[in-house]
mmCIF file of all heavy atoms, coordinates in Angstrom:
data_MODEL
# 
_entry.id   MODEL 
# 
loop_
_atom_site.group_PDB 
_atom_site.id 
_atom_site.type_symbol 
_atom_site.label_atom_id 
_atom_site.label_alt_id 
_atom_site.label_comp_id 
_atom_site.label_asym_id 
_atom_site.label_entity_id 
_atom_site.label_seq_id 
_atom_site.pdbx_PDB_ins_code 
_atom_site.Cartn_x 
_atom_site.Cartn_y 
_atom_site.Cartn_z 
_atom_site.occupancy 
_atom_site.B_iso_or_equiv 
_atom_site.pdbx_formal_charge 
_atom_site.auth_seq_id 
_atom_site.auth_comp_id 
_atom_site.auth_asym_id 
_atom_site.auth_atom_id 
_atom_site.pdbx_PDB_model_num 
ATOM 1   N N   . THR A 1 1  ? 83.623  81.709 114.426 1.00 0.00 ? 1  THR A N   1 
ATOM 2   C CA  . THR A 1 1  ? 82.914  80.478 114.825 1.00 0.00 ? 1  THR A CA  1 
ATOM 3   C C   . THR A 1 1  ? 82.189  79.841 113.670 1.00 0.00 ? 1  THR A C   1 
ATOM 4   O O   . THR A 1 1  ? 81.723  78.686 113.753 1.00 0.00 ? 1  THR A O   1 
ATOM 5   C CB  . THR A 1 1  ? 81.917  80.774 115.962 1.00 0.00 ? 1  THR A CB  1 
ATOM 6   O OG1 . THR A 1 1  ? 81.067  81.858 115.569 1.00 0.00 ? 1  THR A OG1 1 
ATOM 7   C CG2 . THR A 1 1  ? 82.605  81.104 117.230 1.00 0.00 ? 1  THR A CG2 1 
ATOM 8   N N   . ASP A 1 2  ? 82.069  80.575 112.530 1.00 0.00 ? 2  ASP A N   1 
ATOM 9   C CA  . ASP A 1 2  ? 81.377  80.007 111.378 1.00 0.00 ? 2  ASP A CA  1 
ATOM 10  C C   . ASP A 1 2  ? 82.407  79.330 110.432 1.00 0.00 ? 2  ASP A C   1 
ATOM 11  O O   . ASP A 1 2  ? 82.019  78.745 109.426 1.00 0.00 ? 2  ASP A O   1 
ATOM 12  C CB  . ASP A 1 2  ? 80.692  81.154 110.542 1.00 0.00 ? 2  ASP A CB  1 
ATOM 13  C CG  . ASP A 1 2  ? 79.612  81.815 111.403 1.00 0.00 ? 2  ASP A CG  1 
ATOM 14  O OD1 . ASP A 1 2  ? 78.973  81.143 112.184 1.00 0.00 ? 2  ASP A OD1 1 
ATOM 15  O OD2 . ASP A 1 2  ? 79.412  83.024 111.211 1.00 0.00 ? 2  ASP A OD2 1 
ATOM 16  N N   . LYS A 1 3  ? 83.685  79.422 110.772 1.00 0.00 ? 3  LYS A N   1 
ATOM 17  C CA  . LYS A 1 3  ? 84.757  78.836 109.951 1.00 0.00 ? 3  LYS A CA  1 
ATOM 18  C C   . LYS A 1 3  ? 85.201  77.502 110.534 1.00 0.00 ? 3  LYS A C   1 
ATOM 19  O O   . LYS A 1 3  ? 85.135  77.298 111.765 1.00 0.00 ? 3  LYS A O   1 
ATOM 20  C CB  . LYS A 1 3  ? 85.946  79.804 109.843 1.00 0.00 ? 3  LYS A CB  1 
ATOM 21  C CG  . LYS A 1 3  ? 85.650  81.167 109.267 1.00 0.00 ? 3  LYS A CG  1 
ATOM 22  C CD  . LYS A 1 3  ? 86.906  81.979 109.237 1.00 0.00 ? 3  LYS A CD  1 
ATOM 23  C CE  . LYS A 1 3  ? 86.692  83.321 108.512 1.00 0.00 ? 3  LYS A CE  1 
ATOM 24  N NZ  . LYS A 1 3  ? 85.880  84.255 109.319 1.00 0.00 ? 3  LYS A NZ  1 
ATOM 25  N N   . LEU A 1 4  ? 85.662  76.643 109.686 1.00 0.00 ? 4  LEU A N   1 
ATOM 26  C CA  . LEU A 1 4  ? 86.213  75.360 110.137 1.00 0.00 ? 4  LEU A CA  1 
ATOM 27  C C   . LEU A 1 4  ? 87.513  75.642 110.868 1.00 0.00 ? 4  LEU A C   1 
ATOM 28  O O   . LEU A 1 4  ? 88.292  76.482 110.440 1.00 0.00 ? 4  LEU A O   1 
ATOM 29  C CB  . LEU A 1 4  ? 86.455  74.409 108.967 1.00 0.00 ? 4  LEU A CB  1 
ATOM 30  C CG  . LEU A 1 4  ? 85.208  73.824 108.253 1.00 0.00 ? 4  LEU A CG  1 
ATOM 31  C CD1 . LEU A 1 4  ? 85.644  73.065 107.040 1.00 0.00 ? 4  LEU A CD1 1 
ATOM 32  C CD2 . LEU A 1 4  ? 84.434  72.896 109.197 1.00 0.00 ? 4  LEU A CD2 1 
ATOM 33  N N   . VAL A 1 5  ? 87.791  74.879 111.916 1.00 0.00 ? 5  VAL A N   1 
ATOM 34  C CA  . VAL A 1 5  ? 89.041  75.036 112.611 1.00 0.00 ? 5  VAL A CA  1 
ATOM 35  C C   . VAL A 1 5  ? 90.160  74.654 111.660 1.00 0.00 ? 5  VAL A C   1 
ATOM 36  O O   . VAL A 1 5  ? 90.152  73.665 110.954 1.00 0.00 ? 5  VAL A O   1 
ATOM 37  C CB  . VAL A 1 5  ? 89.105  74.041 113.824 1.00 0.00 ? 5  VAL A CB  1 
ATOM 38  C CG1 . VAL A 1 5  ? 90.458  74.135 114.505 1.00 0.00 ? 5  VAL A CG1 1 
ATOM 39  C CG2 . VAL A 1 5  ? 88.004  74.391 114.820 1.00 0.00 ? 5  VAL A CG2 1 
ATOM 40  N N   . GLY A 1 6  ? 91.163  75.545 111.589 1.00 0.00 ? 6  GLY A N   1 
ATOM 41  C CA  . GLY A 1 6  ? 92.307  75.277 110.687 1.00 0.00 ? 6  GLY A CA  1 
ATOM 42  C C   . GLY A 1 6  ? 92.110  75.840 109.313 1.00 0.00 ? 6  GLY A C   1 
ATOM 43  O O   . GLY A 1 6  ? 93.026  75.723 108.458 1.00 0.00 ? 6  GLY A O   1 
ATOM 44  N N   . SER A 1 7  ? 90.978  76.505 109.052 1.00 0.00 ? 7  SER A N   1 
ATOM 45  C CA  . SER A 1 7  ? 90.788  77.061 107.697 1.00 0.00 ? 7  SER A CA  1 
ATOM 46  C C   . SER A 1 7  ? 91.571  78.356 107.543 1.00 0.00 ? 7  SER A C   1 
ATOM 47  O O   . SER A 1 7  ? 91.789  79.074 108.477 1.00 0.00 ? 7  SER A O   1 
ATOM 48  C CB  . SER A 1 7  ? 89.296  77.324 107.451 1.00 0.00 ? 7  SER A CB  1 
ATOM 49  O OG  . SER A 1 7  ? 88.838  78.308 108.348 1.00 0.00 ? 7  SER A OG  1 
ATOM 50  N N   . GLY A 1 8  ? 92.021  78.587 106.330 1.00 0.00 ? 8  GLY A N   1 
ATOM 51  C CA  . GLY A 1 8  ? 92.778  79.805 106.065 1.00 0.00 ? 8  GLY A CA  1 
ATOM 52  C C   . GLY A 1 8  ? 94.303  79.546 106.207 1.00 0.00 ? 8  GLY A C   1 
ATOM 53  O O   . GLY A 1 8  ? 94.705  78.509 106.677 1.00 0.00 ? 8  GLY A O   1 
ATOM 54  N N   . THR A 1 9  ? 95.042  80.538 105.837 1.00 0.00 ? 9  THR A N   1 
ATOM 55  C CA  . THR A 1 9  ? 96.506  80.455 105.935 1.00 0.00 ? 9  THR A CA  1 
ATOM 56  C C   . THR A 1 9  ? 96.887  80.586 107.388 1.00 0.00 ? 9  THR A C   1 
ATOM 57  O O   . THR A 1 9  ? 96.109  81.044 108.273 1.00 0.00 ? 9  THR A O   1 
ATOM 58  C CB  . THR A 1 9  ? 97.210  81.518 105.152 1.00 0.00 ? 9  THR A CB  1 
ATOM 59  O OG1 . THR A 1 9  ? 96.886  82.813 105.687 1.00 0.00 ? 9  THR A OG1 1 
ATOM 60  C CG2 . THR A 1 9  ? 96.770  81.468 103.658 1.00 0.00 ? 9  THR A CG2 1 
ATOM 61  N N   . VAL A 1 10 ? 98.139  80.290 107.748 1.00 0.00 ? 10 VAL A N   1 
ATOM 62  C CA  . VAL A 1 10 ? 98.629  80.443 109.120 1.00 0.00 ? 10 VAL A CA  1 
ATOM 63  C C   . VAL A 1 10 ? 98.534  81.934 109.507 1.00 0.00 ? 10 VAL A C   1 
ATOM 64  O O   . VAL A 1 10 ? 98.146  82.274 110.634 1.00 0.00 ? 10 VAL A O   1 
ATOM 65  C CB  . VAL A 1 10 ? 100.081 79.915 109.233 1.00 0.00 ? 10 VAL A CB  1 
ATOM 66  C CG1 . VAL A 1 10 ? 100.645 80.304 110.598 1.00 0.00 ? 10 VAL A CG1 1 
ATOM 67  C CG2 . VAL A 1 10 ? 100.113 78.427 109.055 1.00 0.00 ? 10 VAL A CG2 1 
ATOM 68  N N   . ARG A 1 11 ? 98.907  82.805 108.583 1.00 0.00 ? 11 ARG A N   1 
ATOM 69  C CA  . ARG A 1 11 ? 98.811  84.258 108.869 1.00 0.00 ? 11 ARG A CA  1 
ATOM 70  C C   . ARG A 1 11 ? 97.399  84.644 109.201 1.00 0.00 ? 11 ARG A C   1 
ATOM 71  O O   . ARG A 1 11 ? 97.174  85.440 110.125 1.00 0.00 ? 11 ARG A O   1 
ATOM 72  C CB  . ARG A 1 11 ? 99.332  85.023 107.653 1.00 0.00 ? 11 ARG A CB  1 
ATOM 73  C CG  . ARG A 1 11 ? 99.317  86.570 107.856 1.00 0.00 ? 11 ARG A CG  1 
ATOM 74  C CD  . ARG A 1 11 ? 99.739  87.255 106.608 1.00 0.00 ? 11 ARG A CD  1 
ATOM 75  N NE  . ARG A 1 11 ? 101.127 86.989 106.234 1.00 0.00 ? 11 ARG A NE  1 
ATOM 76  C CZ  . ARG A 1 11 ? 102.157 87.674 106.696 1.00 0.00 ? 11 ARG A CZ  1 
ATOM 77  N NH1 . ARG A 1 11 ? 101.935 88.723 107.502 1.00 0.00 ? 11 ARG A NH1 1 
ATOM 78  N NH2 . ARG A 1 11 ? 103.336 87.413 106.335 1.00 0.00 ? 11 ARG A NH2 1 
ATOM 79  N N   . GLU A 1 12 ? 96.420  84.141 108.432 1.00 0.00 ? 12 GLU A N   1 
ATOM 80  C CA  . GLU A 1 12 ? 95.010  84.466 108.667 1.00 0.00 ? 12 GLU A CA  1 
ATOM 81  C C   . GLU A 1 12 ? 94.567  83.939 110.023 1.00 0.00 ? 12 GLU A C   1 
ATOM 82  O O   . GLU A 1 12 ? 93.815  84.622 110.749 1.00 0.00 ? 12 GLU A O   1 
ATOM 83  C CB  . GLU A 1 12 ? 94.159  83.899 107.533 1.00 0.00 ? 12 GLU A CB  1 
ATOM 84  C CG  . GLU A 1 12 ? 94.363  84.638 106.202 1.00 0.00 ? 12 GLU A CG  1 
ATOM 85  C CD  . GLU A 1 12 ? 93.656  83.908 105.071 1.00 0.00 ? 12 GLU A CD  1 
ATOM 86  O OE1 . GLU A 1 12 ? 93.358  82.669 105.184 1.00 0.00 ? 12 GLU A OE1 1 
ATOM 87  O OE2 . GLU A 1 12 ? 93.388  84.547 104.057 1.00 0.00 ? 12 GLU A OE2 1 
ATOM 88  N N   . GLN A 1 13 ? 94.933  82.727 110.378 1.00 0.00 ? 13 GLN A N   1 
ATOM 89  C CA  . GLN A 1 13 ? 94.561  82.139 111.638 1.00 0.00 ? 13 GLN A CA  1 
ATOM 90  C C   . GLN A 1 13 ? 95.150  82.888 112.814 1.00 0.00 ? 13 GLN A C   1 
ATOM 91  O O   . GLN A 1 13 ? 94.507  83.169 113.814 1.00 0.00 ? 13 GLN A O   1 
ATOM 92  C CB  . GLN A 1 13 ? 94.951  80.652 111.672 1.00 0.00 ? 13 GLN A CB  1 
ATOM 93  C CG  . GLN A 1 13 ? 94.163  79.805 110.683 1.00 0.00 ? 13 GLN A CG  1 
ATOM 94  C CD  . GLN A 1 13 ? 94.587  78.384 110.744 1.00 0.00 ? 13 GLN A CD  1 
ATOM 95  O OE1 . GLN A 1 13 ? 94.302  77.665 111.690 1.00 0.00 ? 13 GLN A OE1 1 
ATOM 96  N NE2 . GLN A 1 13 ? 95.267  77.911 109.700 1.00 0.00 ? 13 GLN A NE2 1 
ATOM 97  N N   . HIS A 1 14 ? 96.423  83.297 112.674 1.00 0.00 ? 14 HIS A N   1 
ATOM 98  C CA  . HIS A 1 14 ? 97.012  84.086 113.728 1.00 0.00 ? 14 HIS A CA  1 
ATOM 99  C C   . HIS A 1 14 ? 96.359  85.448 113.873 1.00 0.00 ? 14 HIS A C   1 
ATOM 100 O O   . HIS A 1 14 ? 96.136  85.938 114.951 1.00 0.00 ? 14 HIS A O   1 
ATOM 101 C CB  . HIS A 1 14 ? 98.503  84.243 113.455 1.00 0.00 ? 14 HIS A CB  1 
ATOM 102 C CG  . HIS A 1 14 ? 99.285  83.004 113.661 1.00 0.00 ? 14 HIS A CG  1 
ATOM 103 N ND1 . HIS A 1 14 ? 100.672 82.989 113.719 1.00 0.00 ? 14 HIS A ND1 1 
ATOM 104 C CD2 . HIS A 1 14 ? 98.926  81.718 113.885 1.00 0.00 ? 14 HIS A CD2 1 
ATOM 105 C CE1 . HIS A 1 14 ? 101.103 81.717 113.933 1.00 0.00 ? 14 HIS A CE1 1 
ATOM 106 N NE2 . HIS A 1 14 ? 100.036 80.979 114.016 1.00 0.00 ? 14 HIS A NE2 1 
ATOM 107 N N   . ALA A 1 15 ? 95.930  86.061 112.698 1.00 0.00 ? 15 ALA A N   1 
ATOM 108 C CA  . ALA A 1 15 ? 95.308  87.348 112.757 1.00 0.00 ? 15 ALA A CA  1 
ATOM 109 C C   . ALA A 1 15 ? 94.013  87.259 113.497 1.00 0.00 ? 15 ALA A C   1 
ATOM 110 O O   . ALA A 1 15 ? 93.564  88.213 114.202 1.00 0.00 ? 15 ALA A O   1 
ATOM 111 C CB  . ALA A 1 15 ? 95.063  87.820 111.313 1.00 0.00 ? 15 ALA A CB  1 
ATOM 112 N N   . ARG A 1 16 ? 93.262  86.151 113.360 1.00 0.00 ? 16 ARG A N   1 
ATOM 113 C CA  . ARG A 1 16 ? 92.009  85.953 114.103 1.00 0.00 ? 16 ARG A CA  1 
ATOM 114 C C   . ARG A 1 16 ? 92.257  85.994 115.599 1.00 0.00 ? 16 ARG A C   1 
ATOM 115 O O   . ARG A 1 16 ? 91.475  86.582 116.340 1.00 0.00 ? 16 ARG A O   1 
ATOM 116 C CB  . ARG A 1 16 ? 91.358  84.612 113.726 1.00 0.00 ? 16 ARG A CB  1 
ATOM 117 C CG  . ARG A 1 16 ? 90.864  84.559 112.273 1.00 0.00 ? 16 ARG A CG  1 
ATOM 118 C CD  . ARG A 1 16 ? 90.407  83.142 112.015 1.00 0.00 ? 16 ARG A CD  1 
ATOM 119 N NE  . ARG A 1 16 ? 90.327  82.898 110.563 1.00 0.00 ? 16 ARG A NE  1 
ATOM 120 C CZ  . ARG A 1 16 ? 90.301  81.700 109.996 1.00 0.00 ? 16 ARG A CZ  1 
ATOM 121 N NH1 . ARG A 1 16 ? 90.349  80.602 110.755 1.00 0.00 ? 16 ARG A NH1 1 
ATOM 122 N NH2 . ARG A 1 16 ? 90.193  81.569 108.690 1.00 0.00 ? 16 ARG A NH2 1 
ATOM 123 N N   . GLU A 1 17 ? 93.352  85.408 116.068 1.00 0.00 ? 17 GLU A N   1 
ATOM 124 C CA  . GLU A 1 17 ? 93.645  85.346 117.485 1.00 0.00 ? 17 GLU A CA  1 
ATOM 125 C C   . GLU A 1 17 ? 94.020  86.758 117.990 1.00 0.00 ? 17 GLU A C   1 
ATOM 126 O O   . GLU A 1 17 ? 93.554  87.180 119.055 1.00 0.00 ? 17 GLU A O   1 
ATOM 127 C CB  . GLU A 1 17 ? 94.746  84.369 117.809 1.00 0.00 ? 17 GLU A CB  1 
ATOM 128 C CG  . GLU A 1 17 ? 94.389  82.910 117.517 1.00 0.00 ? 17 GLU A CG  1 
ATOM 129 C CD  . GLU A 1 17 ? 93.145  82.514 118.277 1.00 0.00 ? 17 GLU A CD  1 
ATOM 130 O OE1 . GLU A 1 17 ? 92.997  82.838 119.483 1.00 0.00 ? 17 GLU A OE1 1 
ATOM 131 O OE2 . GLU A 1 17 ? 92.289  81.807 117.657 1.00 0.00 ? 17 GLU A OE2 1 
ATOM 132 N N   . TYR A 1 18 ? 94.817  87.449 117.227 1.00 0.00 ? 18 TYR A N   1 
ATOM 133 C CA  . TYR A 1 18 ? 95.202  88.839 117.605 1.00 0.00 ? 18 TYR A CA  1 
ATOM 134 C C   . TYR A 1 18 ? 93.973  89.683 117.669 1.00 0.00 ? 18 TYR A C   1 
ATOM 135 O O   . TYR A 1 18 ? 93.800  90.541 118.574 1.00 0.00 ? 18 TYR A O   1 
ATOM 136 C CB  . TYR A 1 18 ? 96.181  89.438 116.625 1.00 0.00 ? 18 TYR A CB  1 
ATOM 137 C CG  . TYR A 1 18 ? 97.571  88.775 116.656 1.00 0.00 ? 18 TYR A CG  1 
ATOM 138 C CD1 . TYR A 1 18 ? 98.214  88.475 115.446 1.00 0.00 ? 18 TYR A CD1 1 
ATOM 139 C CD2 . TYR A 1 18 ? 98.235  88.605 117.835 1.00 0.00 ? 18 TYR A CD2 1 
ATOM 140 C CE1 . TYR A 1 18 ? 99.487  87.938 115.434 1.00 0.00 ? 18 TYR A CE1 1 
ATOM 141 C CE2 . TYR A 1 18 ? 99.499  88.035 117.851 1.00 0.00 ? 18 TYR A CE2 1 
ATOM 142 C CZ  . TYR A 1 18 ? 100.148 87.729 116.648 1.00 0.00 ? 18 TYR A CZ  1 
ATOM 143 O OH  . TYR A 1 18 ? 101.382 87.181 116.660 1.00 0.00 ? 18 TYR A OH  1 
ATOM 144 N N   . ALA A 1 19 ? 93.068  89.562 116.698 1.00 0.00 ? 19 ALA A N   1 
ATOM 145 C CA  . ALA A 1 19 ? 91.862  90.319 116.662 1.00 0.00 ? 19 ALA A CA  1 
ATOM 146 C C   . ALA A 1 19 ? 90.916  90.037 117.851 1.00 0.00 ? 19 ALA A C   1 
ATOM 147 O O   . ALA A 1 19 ? 90.341  90.929 118.449 1.00 0.00 ? 19 ALA A O   1 
ATOM 148 C CB  . ALA A 1 19 ? 91.097  90.109 115.356 1.00 0.00 ? 19 ALA A CB  1 
ATOM 149 N N   . ALA A 1 20 ? 90.830  88.766 118.205 1.00 0.00 ? 20 ALA A N   1 
ATOM 150 C CA  . ALA A 1 20 ? 89.967  88.385 119.348 1.00 0.00 ? 20 ALA A CA  1 
ATOM 151 C C   . ALA A 1 20 ? 90.545  88.874 120.650 1.00 0.00 ? 20 ALA A C   1 
ATOM 152 O O   . ALA A 1 20 ? 89.829  89.293 121.573 1.00 0.00 ? 20 ALA A O   1 
ATOM 153 C CB  . ALA A 1 20 ? 89.809  86.858 119.382 1.00 0.00 ? 20 ALA A CB  1 
ATOM 154 N N   . ASP A 1 21 ? 91.898  88.891 120.764 1.00 0.00 ? 21 ASP A N   1 
ATOM 155 C CA  . ASP A 1 21 ? 92.515  89.460 121.945 1.00 0.00 ? 21 ASP A CA  1 
ATOM 156 C C   . ASP A 1 21 ? 92.229  90.966 122.064 1.00 0.00 ? 21 ASP A C   1 
ATOM 157 O O   . ASP A 1 21 ? 91.871  91.438 123.144 1.00 0.00 ? 21 ASP A O   1 
ATOM 158 C CB  . ASP A 1 21 ? 94.059  89.283 121.869 1.00 0.00 ? 21 ASP A CB  1 
ATOM 159 C CG  . ASP A 1 21 ? 94.541  87.830 122.138 1.00 0.00 ? 21 ASP A CG  1 
ATOM 160 O OD1 . ASP A 1 21 ? 93.708  87.013 122.611 1.00 0.00 ? 21 ASP A OD1 1 
ATOM 161 O OD2 . ASP A 1 21 ? 95.666  87.512 121.817 1.00 0.00 ? 21 ASP A OD2 1 
ATOM 162 N N   . ALA A 1 22 ? 92.365  91.648 120.974 1.00 0.00 ? 22 ALA A N   1 
ATOM 163 C CA  . ALA A 1 22 ? 92.083  93.105 120.996 1.00 0.00 ? 22 ALA A CA  1 
ATOM 164 C C   . ALA A 1 22 ? 90.639  93.376 121.301 1.00 0.00 ? 22 ALA A C   1 
ATOM 165 O O   . ALA A 1 22 ? 90.273  94.330 122.004 1.00 0.00 ? 22 ALA A O   1 
ATOM 166 C CB  . ALA A 1 22 ? 92.446  93.723 119.662 1.00 0.00 ? 22 ALA A CB  1 
ATOM 167 N N   . PHE A 1 23 ? 89.748  92.499 120.756 1.00 0.00 ? 23 PHE A N   1 
ATOM 168 C CA  . PHE A 1 23 ? 88.270  92.662 121.035 1.00 0.00 ? 23 PHE A CA  1 
ATOM 169 C C   . PHE A 1 23 ? 88.016  92.523 122.524 1.00 0.00 ? 23 PHE A C   1 
ATOM 170 O O   . PHE A 1 23 ? 87.273  93.268 123.108 1.00 0.00 ? 23 PHE A O   1 
ATOM 171 C CB  . PHE A 1 23 ? 87.541  91.580 120.266 1.00 0.00 ? 23 PHE A CB  1 
ATOM 172 C CG  . PHE A 1 23 ? 86.071  91.842 120.181 1.00 0.00 ? 23 PHE A CG  1 
ATOM 173 C CD1 . PHE A 1 23 ? 85.513  92.484 119.099 1.00 0.00 ? 23 PHE A CD1 1 
ATOM 174 C CD2 . PHE A 1 23 ? 85.199  91.303 121.158 1.00 0.00 ? 23 PHE A CD2 1 
ATOM 175 C CE1 . PHE A 1 23 ? 84.137  92.738 119.013 1.00 0.00 ? 23 PHE A CE1 1 
ATOM 176 C CE2 . PHE A 1 23 ? 83.825  91.516 121.082 1.00 0.00 ? 23 PHE A CE2 1 
ATOM 177 C CZ  . PHE A 1 23 ? 83.323  92.202 120.022 1.00 0.00 ? 23 PHE A CZ  1 
ATOM 178 N N   . SER A 1 24 ? 88.624  91.515 123.164 1.00 0.00 ? 24 SER A N   1 
ATOM 179 C CA  . SER A 1 24 ? 88.474  91.297 124.562 1.00 0.00 ? 24 SER A CA  1 
ATOM 180 C C   . SER A 1 24 ? 88.957  92.536 125.370 1.00 0.00 ? 24 SER A C   1 
ATOM 181 O O   . SER A 1 24 ? 88.298  92.994 126.267 1.00 0.00 ? 24 SER A O   1 
ATOM 182 C CB  . SER A 1 24 ? 89.282  90.069 125.044 1.00 0.00 ? 24 SER A CB  1 
ATOM 183 O OG  . SER A 1 24 ? 89.235  89.930 126.416 1.00 0.00 ? 24 SER A OG  1 
ATOM 184 N N   . ALA A 1 25 ? 90.135  93.001 125.025 1.00 0.00 ? 25 ALA A N   1 
ATOM 185 C CA  . ALA A 1 25 ? 90.669  94.229 125.707 1.00 0.00 ? 25 ALA A CA  1 
ATOM 186 C C   . ALA A 1 25 ? 89.750  95.385 125.576 1.00 0.00 ? 25 ALA A C   1 
ATOM 187 O O   . ALA A 1 25 ? 89.533  96.107 126.574 1.00 0.00 ? 25 ALA A O   1 
ATOM 188 C CB  . ALA A 1 25 ? 92.055  94.549 125.107 1.00 0.00 ? 25 ALA A CB  1 
ATOM 189 N N   . LYS A 1 26 ? 89.081  95.532 124.428 1.00 0.00 ? 26 LYS A N   1 
ATOM 190 C CA  . LYS A 1 26 ? 88.222  96.680 124.201 1.00 0.00 ? 26 LYS A CA  1 
ATOM 191 C C   . LYS A 1 26 ? 86.938  96.575 124.986 1.00 0.00 ? 26 LYS A C   1 
ATOM 192 O O   . LYS A 1 26 ? 86.507  97.528 125.715 1.00 0.00 ? 26 LYS A O   1 
ATOM 193 C CB  . LYS A 1 26 ? 87.884  96.813 122.702 1.00 0.00 ? 26 LYS A CB  1 
ATOM 194 C CG  . LYS A 1 26 ? 86.986  97.994 122.381 1.00 0.00 ? 26 LYS A CG  1 
ATOM 195 C CD  . LYS A 1 26 ? 86.787  98.101 120.858 1.00 0.00 ? 26 LYS A CD  1 
ATOM 196 C CE  . LYS A 1 26 ? 85.874  99.261 120.544 1.00 0.00 ? 26 LYS A CE  1 
ATOM 197 N NZ  . LYS A 1 26 ? 85.640  99.397 119.046 1.00 0.00 ? 26 LYS A NZ  1 
# 
């Protein structure tokens, strides 16, 4: 939430979504 939307590479942005999904599951 401290990052600008769209910042980072596509791989990095996708990694954030995967990480948030895993965080929710946990």
